[in-house]
Amino acid sequence: MEAVFSDVVKVIIRCRHCDERKARIRVTIERQSSTSAVCKRDLLVRLTNDEDPHFFFSLTISEEDFQSLKVQQELLIEFASFPEMLVQLLRQCQSEQNCSHPRFQLLFSCDSPSLDGPGQLSVMETNSFKHSNQLSLRLTQGSDKHVKDYLAACLASVKAEKEALELKLKKTEDDLTRRLNDAEQTLSEMERMRLEWTLEKNSLCSRHADELRREQEKAADLQERQQQQTQKHCQDLERAHQRDSQQMQSRLVQLETSCGQLSDRDYQNQAALRDLKAKLVAAEEECQRFQQQVASMRRQRDSAETALHANERLGQQLQTRVGTLEQEAKDREQNASRTQEALKAAQQQKETLEEDARSKEAQVEILSADLKKANEIIKKFWCELQVQQSKNKDKNVALVEQEKVLRDTSTQLERAQGEVRDAHQQLQHKDQQVASLKEQLESSMKKLAESKELLRSNENVIGWINKQLNEKRLSEMLAEPPRSTPPTAAMTSAAHFYPHVSKSPAMPDVVYKPAASPSVGGLDAKYFKRRDDGGGPVRESPDALIAREFPRSKTPSAYFPN
């Protein structure tokens, strides 16, 4: 078991047919772990009274029980954090239990007046509006076995405390006995020291009395000498005071004469001061006038200087802008030239280093061949080889750095080449767009030429049809006797057979009846063919061809108006 909370809290006990009372109840919260194969952790809540051993109520909450409790009381926490939240509520109740109007209180209610049977422990929150129940736990009264186990545990803890207190008492008695012996020894030593200090004090008092008498005699002699010196000093001071008073009187007479002279001079100076004040007022007025003129001149100068500074700043900005642009252009050119030079130098250095490495490899081979001849020569050339290898390492480090620079320059070059490729691709895309536009233009020109050719052929057809119609109209007019036909009737019949026929202002009213057969004598068959968008020839009658193709013809006709 793991104890989470165990402390005494004031609880309001409410029983049926009994008045409410407050009691100090010990609330204990423990975690229980089962020893079965499935690890389960239960929570044990126990209420006991230290004054009443038979007061025992407990509740065991498992995870399944907590889920139902969570649903019933609409809790917002999980089982893992439930013990901590319950302990916080109990701490809150415990901190406010001595207040006159506590906010949180514990309430234990039981239906039985003698606290027999199950009870309900509630955490009540009180505000200015109502009492709200934060949490309610239904506890069952402990059985005889539980009460006996609890009393046995309490008795065992009391016995353990008693044994601990007896052991502590024995240790305390031993300690006190030892300290008492030490105190007696210290007291005897202090008594001995007190006697020694008394003897020493008496001797010091006698010695100090003799010294005090001698010092009093010395002080009396010194006082007499000081009195004689003081009297002599007072006489000297009186003589000096008389001498100083005589000198001060003569000085006073001289100061009175000089004061009269200074008063006369003061009158003269005041008259001159009045004249100077009048002159000063005139000078101040003139100075103010001059200051106003100077202020106006300064304002004009400031305005001119501001305009001049603005122009100078603008010129400097333009010069700096031109200089920065020129410098940027020069920097770009220098960067390009430097990168090219660095690339060439790196390539040359790489070639030289490769040749040097090949030469060094050849030397190493020669040295390895010579090493087989003798141990002395081997040792000598081994030292030379180590020196040469250190040099090669330094050169390799330099080569690595140069390769890094070469990689950087190559990356910059690749970036520039990528930009050039992008520009080429954009240019090719634009060229392709121009070519496609040219192809569209050529196809449009071809279609326009075909349309013009078709228009000319249609105009020829319209002219031939008009000619045939005119000849036929003339022949009918010559063959038939003249008869009066109302103009409106002729127009109505003509509109009935062909909707596009209208009266021409240059000809008399006639009735035109189109032929039912598309075969017209003397007309070539190519005029009855038309190529649509699909390219296949389509045969149509002249009436349909005229109705669909010729309404927009520019050739004037009495039968086909624009």
Foldseek 3Di string as FASTA:
>chain_A
DAWDDWDWAWEWEAEPPDDIDIATKIWTKGWDWDPDPDTWIKIKIWIAHPVDLQFIWMDIGTQVNVVVQCVVLVDDDHPVCVSVVVVVLRVQRRVQVPPPDRQWHWYKYDHHPVPAFKIKIWIWGDDPPGIDTPHIDIITRDDPVVSVVVVVVVVVVVVVVVVVVVVVVVVVVVVVVVVVVVVVVVVVVVVVVVVVVVVVVVVVVVVVVVVVVVVVVVVVVVVVVVVVVVVVVVVVVVVVVVVVVVVVVVVVVVVVVVVVVVVVVVVVVVVVVVVVVVVVVVVVVVVVVVVVVVVVVVVVVVVVVVVVVVVVVVVVVVVVVVVVVVVVVVVVVVVVVVLVVLLVVLVVLVVVLVVVVVVVVVVVVVLVVVLVPDVVSVVVVVVVVVVVVVVNVVVVVVNVVSVVSNVVSVVVVVVVVVVVVVVVVVVVVVVVVVVVVVVVVVVVVVVVVVVVVVLVLVVVVVVVVQVVVVVVVVVVPVPDDDDDDDLVVLVVQQCVQPVQADADPVDDRDHDHDDPDQDDPPDDQVVQWDQDPVRDTDGDRVNVCCVPPPLPRPDDDNGRHD
